[in-house]
């Protein structure tokens, strides 16, 4: 009787050992297959792995990718970075700086199409922090990236009455051309001056005084100067003034009142 019990016990133990071994092998095989699939997706140029692509671009080029979108071009992704818009192969092996055009129906600048959409979204984000010079009989609204040290920005501002008389409302966004911080990590004078203007109780008068060399009262507050600057860089601004139209189209550089009005009439 005792021998029978031993035999039965041995059979049960052996069966359990086989079960656990098979189960462990199944788990290991499943994990190995999952890792293989994930690795294949990461390396496969036909598959878009956003996290892997962001990491590769950061490692190789030092760019922070804010947003990734597929494009109509097979295997090519659009990258919105802290330094502007670029394109890349899905696996990050190829990086493209420049424009991509669609010839499917006419000629369409895909980069500008994407940037226009981003500009409209960004302007909506910062609309409550803009310095606005509203036309009495408003017909058009333009959003202008400005810097108080910019010669053509000053020229445009001195003609504000003429722009407004033509029904053109101006909305200012801050764009310190010297950047936010210097090489030592300190805030630039351009940033601090624009922040002081935006933080003033009467920011419109402060802007006019600053652009007419009448001095700036130093102020500190929580205004999104850095956010506006970064937004500008992301959507293609690399100088001031930069005029954004209601369509999201950007017109770089100074536009005289009559010329800007004529352009707006064509929209």
Protein backbone atom coordinates (compact mmCIF):
# COMPACT_ATOMS: atom_id res chain seq x y z
CA UNK A 1 0.00 0.00 0.00
CA UNK A 2 2.79 2.39 0.95
CA UNK A 3 4.59 1.69 -2.36
CA UNK A 4 1.41 2.50 -4.29
CA UNK A 5 1.13 5.84 -2.52
CA UNK A 6 4.75 6.63 -3.34
CA UNK A 7 4.21 5.76 -7.00
CA UNK A 8 1.05 7.87 -7.24
CA UNK A 9 2.80 10.79 -5.49
CA UNK A 10 5.75 10.58 -7.85
CA UNK A 11 3.42 10.62 -10.86
CA UNK A 12 1.58 13.69 -9.53
CA UNK A 13 4.84 15.56 -8.79
CA UNK A 14 6.20 14.69 -12.24
CA UNK A 15 2.98 15.85 -13.91
CA UNK A 16 3.02 19.13 -11.99
CA UNK A 17 6.68 19.70 -12.88
CA UNK A 18 5.92 19.14 -16.54
CA UNK A 19 2.92 21.52 -16.32
CA UNK A 20 4.94 24.33 -14.72
CA UNK A 21 7.82 23.83 -17.14
CA UNK A 22 5.50 23.99 -20.15
CA UNK A 23 3.69 27.00 -18.68
CA UNK A 24 6.98 28.86 -18.04
CA UNK A 25 8.13 28.08 -21.56
CA UNK A 26 4.83 29.41 -22.95
CA UNK A 27 5.19 32.66 -20.99
CA UNK A 28 8.81 33.03 -22.08
CA UNK A 29 7.90 32.36 -25.70
CA UNK A 30 5.04 34.87 -25.55
CA UNK A 31 7.34 37.56 -24.11
CA UNK A 32 9.97 36.77 -26.74
CA UNK A 33 7.42 37.06 -29.55
CA UNK A 34 6.11 40.36 -28.11
CA UNK A 35 9.63 41.78 -27.90
CA UNK A 36 10.37 40.64 -31.43
CA UNK A 37 7.18 42.26 -32.74
CA UNK A 38 7.91 45.51 -30.88
CA UNK A 39 11.50 45.54 -32.12
CA UNK A 40 10.39 44.81 -35.66
CA UNK A 41 7.89 47.66 -35.54
CA UNK A 42 10.60 49.97 -34.25
CA UNK A 43 13.00 49.11 -37.05
CA UNK A 44 10.49 48.56 -39.85
CA UNK A 45 10.55 51.64 -42.11
CA UNK A 46 6.92 51.01 -43.03
CA UNK A 47 5.72 51.22 -39.41
CA UNK A 48 5.48 54.51 -37.48
CA UNK A 49 6.60 54.17 -33.86
CA UNK A 50 6.22 57.71 -32.51
CA UNK A 51 8.11 57.23 -29.24
CA UNK A 52 11.07 55.57 -30.95
CA UNK A 53 11.16 58.25 -33.64
CA UNK A 54 11.10 61.08 -31.08
CA UNK A 55 13.92 59.45 -29.13
CA UNK A 56 16.04 58.91 -32.23
CA UNK A 57 15.64 62.51 -33.45
CA UNK A 58 16.51 63.81 -29.96
CA UNK A 59 19.58 61.59 -29.72
CA UNK A 60 20.88 62.20 -33.24
CA UNK A 61 19.97 65.87 -33.77
CA UNK A 62 19.16 67.30 -30.34
CA UNK A 63 15.69 68.36 -31.49
CA UNK A 64 12.67 68.03 -29.22
CA UNK A 65 9.79 66.64 -31.25
CA UNK A 66 6.51 68.14 -30.05
CA UNK A 67 4.17 66.42 -32.48
CA UNK A 68 4.32 63.67 -35.12
CA UNK A 69 1.83 63.21 -37.95
CA UNK A 70 1.62 60.91 -40.93
CA UNK A 71 1.72 62.56 -44.35
CA UNK A 72 0.15 61.50 -47.66
CA UNK A 73 3.64 60.34 -48.69
CA UNK A 74 4.10 56.64 -47.76
CA UNK A 75 6.72 56.16 -45.06
CA UNK A 76 7.22 59.88 -44.41
CA UNK A 77 6.17 61.60 -41.16
CA UNK A 78 5.80 65.30 -40.40
CA UNK A 79 7.68 66.45 -37.29
CA UNK A 80 6.81 69.57 -35.32
CA UNK A 81 9.89 70.39 -33.24
CA UNK A 82 11.10 73.16 -30.96
CA UNK A 83 13.06 74.43 -33.99
CA UNK A 84 10.31 74.27 -36.59
CA UNK A 85 8.80 71.79 -39.05
CA UNK A 86 10.70 68.90 -40.65
CA UNK A 87 10.03 65.53 -42.25
CA UNK A 88 11.47 62.12 -41.48
CA UNK A 89 11.24 58.51 -42.58
CA UNK A 90 9.17 56.48 -40.13
CA UNK A 91 12.25 54.81 -38.65
CA UNK A 92 14.24 58.06 -38.43
CA UNK A 93 17.00 56.97 -40.80
CA UNK A 94 16.29 59.89 -43.14
CA UNK A 95 15.63 63.49 -42.11
CA UNK A 96 14.28 66.11 -44.51
CA UNK A 97 14.47 69.89 -44.18
CA UNK A 98 12.42 71.74 -46.76
CA UNK A 99 9.06 71.67 -48.47
CA UNK A 100 7.00 68.77 -49.76
CA UNK A 101 4.48 69.46 -52.50
CA UNK A 102 1.44 67.43 -53.48
CA UNK A 103 0.71 67.28 -57.22
CA UNK A 104 -2.47 65.21 -56.87
CA UNK A 105 -4.78 68.17 -57.47
CA UNK A 106 -2.77 71.17 -58.58
CA UNK A 107 0.29 72.12 -56.54
CA UNK A 108 -0.12 72.11 -52.74
CA UNK A 109 2.60 73.03 -50.27
CA UNK A 110 2.02 70.39 -47.58
CA UNK A 111 4.37 72.07 -45.12
CA UNK A 112 2.62 75.43 -45.36
CA UNK A 113 -0.75 73.70 -45.14
CA UNK A 114 0.27 72.06 -41.85
CA UNK A 115 1.87 75.25 -40.51
CA UNK A 116 -1.23 77.32 -41.30
CA UNK A 117 -3.33 74.94 -39.21
CA UNK A 118 -0.82 75.13 -36.35
CA UNK A 119 -0.74 78.92 -36.47
CA UNK A 120 -4.51 79.15 -36.15
CA UNK A 121 -4.51 76.73 -33.21
CA UNK A 122 -1.67 78.59 -31.50
CA UNK A 123 -3.25 82.01 -31.96
CA UNK A 124 -6.37 80.70 -30.30
CA UNK A 125 -4.24 79.56 -27.35
CA UNK A 126 -2.65 83.00 -26.85
CA UNK A 127 -5.57 85.24 -27.86
CA UNK A 128 -6.18 86.47 -24.29
CA UNK A 129 -2.54 87.55 -23.89
CA UNK A 130 -2.19 89.59 -27.08
CA UNK A 131 -1.79 93.37 -27.11
CA UNK A 132 -4.58 94.52 -29.43
CA UNK A 133 -4.99 97.72 -31.43
CA UNK A 134 -8.55 97.40 -32.63
CA UNK A 135 -9.86 99.17 -35.73
CA UNK A 136 -13.03 101.17 -35.15
CA UNK A 137 -14.58 99.81 -38.33
CA UNK A 138 -12.95 96.38 -38.23
CA UNK A 139 -12.74 94.50 -41.53
CA UNK A 140 -9.62 92.43 -41.04
CA UNK A 141 -7.58 91.01 -38.16
CA UNK A 142 -3.86 90.29 -38.39
CA UNK A 143 -1.62 88.81 -35.71
CA UNK A 144 1.93 90.14 -35.69
CA UNK A 145 5.02 88.73 -33.98
CA UNK A 146 6.89 91.82 -32.83
CA UNK A 147 10.02 92.98 -31.03
CA UNK A 148 10.45 96.52 -29.71
CA UNK A 149 14.05 96.75 -31.00
CA UNK A 150 13.08 95.83 -34.56
CA UNK A 151 13.29 98.80 -36.96
CA UNK A 152 10.48 97.69 -39.25
CA UNK A 153 8.33 96.76 -36.25
CA UNK A 154 8.69 100.34 -35.07
CA UNK A 155 7.86 101.65 -38.52
CA UNK A 156 4.67 99.57 -38.66
CA UNK A 157 3.69 100.68 -35.19
CA UNK A 158 4.08 104.36 -36.07
CA UNK A 159 1.58 103.76 -38.89
CA UNK A 160 -0.97 102.07 -36.61
CA UNK A 161 -3.56 104.83 -37.12
CA UNK A 162 -3.36 104.27 -40.89
CA UNK A 163 -3.77 100.50 -40.53
CA UNK A 164 -6.72 100.96 -38.18
CA UNK A 165 -8.33 103.53 -40.49
CA UNK A 166 -8.32 100.88 -43.22
CA UNK A 167 -10.21 98.51 -40.91
CA UNK A 168 -7.17 96.43 -39.96
CA UNK A 169 -6.97 95.33 -36.33
CA UNK A 170 -3.47 94.49 -35.05
CA UNK A 171 -2.86 91.79 -32.43
CA UNK A 172 0.69 91.57 -31.10
CA UNK A 173 2.54 88.44 -29.99
CA UNK A 174 5.97 88.72 -28.36
CA UNK A 175 9.04 87.52 -30.22
CA UNK A 176 12.33 88.63 -28.61
CA UNK A 177 14.82 88.23 -31.44
CA UNK A 178 17.68 87.79 -28.98
CA UNK A 179 15.93 84.73 -27.57
CA UNK A 180 14.81 84.00 -24.03
CA UNK A 181 18.14 83.34 -22.29
CA UNK A 182 21.77 84.09 -23.08
CA UNK A 183 24.68 81.65 -23.01
CA UNK A 184 25.02 82.04 -19.25
CA UNK A 185 21.39 81.12 -18.69
CA UNK A 186 20.25 84.64 -17.83
CA UNK A 187 17.17 86.24 -19.33
CA UNK A 188 18.04 88.46 -22.30
CA UNK A 189 17.33 92.18 -22.26
CA UNK A 190 14.94 91.68 -25.18
CA UNK A 191 12.91 89.19 -23.19
CA UNK A 192 12.83 91.36 -20.06
CA UNK A 193 11.81 94.45 -22.03
CA UNK A 194 8.94 92.67 -23.76
CA UNK A 195 7.85 91.11 -20.48
CA UNK A 196 7.78 94.58 -18.92
CA UNK A 197 5.57 95.86 -21.74
CA UNK A 198 3.16 92.93 -21.47
CA UNK A 199 3.05 93.26 -17.68
CA UNK A 200 2.18 96.96 -17.73
CA UNK A 201 -1.28 98.03 -16.62
CA UNK A 202 -1.62 99.90 -19.92
CA UNK A 203 0.29 97.60 -22.25
CA UNK A 204 -0.74 99.48 -25.41
CA UNK A 205 0.78 102.73 -24.17
CA UNK A 206 3.82 100.86 -22.86
CA UNK A 207 4.33 99.31 -26.31
CA UNK A 208 4.08 102.70 -28.02
CA UNK A 209 6.51 104.29 -25.56
CA UNK A 210 8.99 101.43 -25.93
CA UNK A 211 8.94 101.60 -29.72
CA UNK A 212 9.41 105.38 -29.59
CA UNK A 213 12.43 105.14 -27.24
CA UNK A 214 10.50 106.75 -24.38
CA UNK A 215 11.64 104.23 -21.82
CA UNK A 216 10.35 101.04 -20.25
CA UNK A 217 9.20 100.59 -16.67
CA UNK A 218 10.69 97.32 -15.47
CA UNK A 219 7.99 94.85 -14.46
CA UNK A 220 7.73 91.14 -13.75
CA UNK A 221 4.60 89.03 -14.03
CA UNK A 222 3.38 85.71 -15.33
CA UNK A 223 2.90 86.49 -19.02
CA UNK A 224 3.61 83.79 -21.66
CA UNK A 225 6.43 85.61 -23.46
CA UNK A 226 8.50 82.43 -23.69
CA UNK A 227 5.46 80.45 -24.84
CA UNK A 228 4.73 82.94 -27.61
CA UNK A 229 8.36 82.92 -28.70
CA UNK A 230 8.48 79.12 -28.81
CA UNK A 231 5.19 79.04 -30.69
CA UNK A 232 6.65 81.42 -33.26
CA UNK A 233 9.71 79.26 -33.81
CA UNK A 234 7.56 76.16 -34.23
CA UNK A 235 5.45 77.75 -36.98
CA UNK A 236 8.26 79.21 -39.06
CA UNK A 237 8.95 82.64 -37.56
CA UNK A 238 12.64 83.54 -37.76
CA UNK A 239 12.43 87.32 -37.71
CA UNK A 240 10.14 90.26 -37.07
CA UNK A 241 7.71 91.54 -38.01
CA UNK A 242 5.93 88.34 -39.04
CA UNK A 243 2.28 88.82 -39.97
CA UNK A 244 -0.21 85.96 -39.61
CA UNK A 245 -3.43 86.32 -41.60
CA UNK A 246 -6.85 84.94 -40.66
CA UNK A 247 -6.21 81.96 -42.96
CA UNK A 248 -3.06 80.98 -41.06
CA UNK A 249 -0.86 82.19 -43.92
CA UNK A 250 2.29 84.00 -42.80
CA UNK A 251 3.62 87.13 -44.49
CA UNK A 252 7.19 87.83 -43.32
CA UNK A 253 8.47 91.38 -43.13
CA UNK A 254 7.10 94.89 -43.23
CA UNK A 255 3.93 95.57 -45.22
CA UNK A 256 2.86 99.21 -45.80
CA UNK A 257 -0.79 99.95 -44.89
CA UNK A 258 -2.05 100.16 -48.48
CA UNK A 259 -0.17 97.04 -49.54
CA UNK A 260 -1.40 95.01 -46.56
CA UNK A 261 -4.98 96.16 -47.19
CA UNK A 262 -4.71 95.09 -50.82
CA UNK A 263 -3.44 91.67 -49.77
CA UNK A 264 -6.24 91.21 -47.25
CA UNK A 265 -8.85 92.10 -49.87
CA UNK A 266 -7.78 89.07 -51.92
CA UNK A 267 -8.53 86.57 -49.15
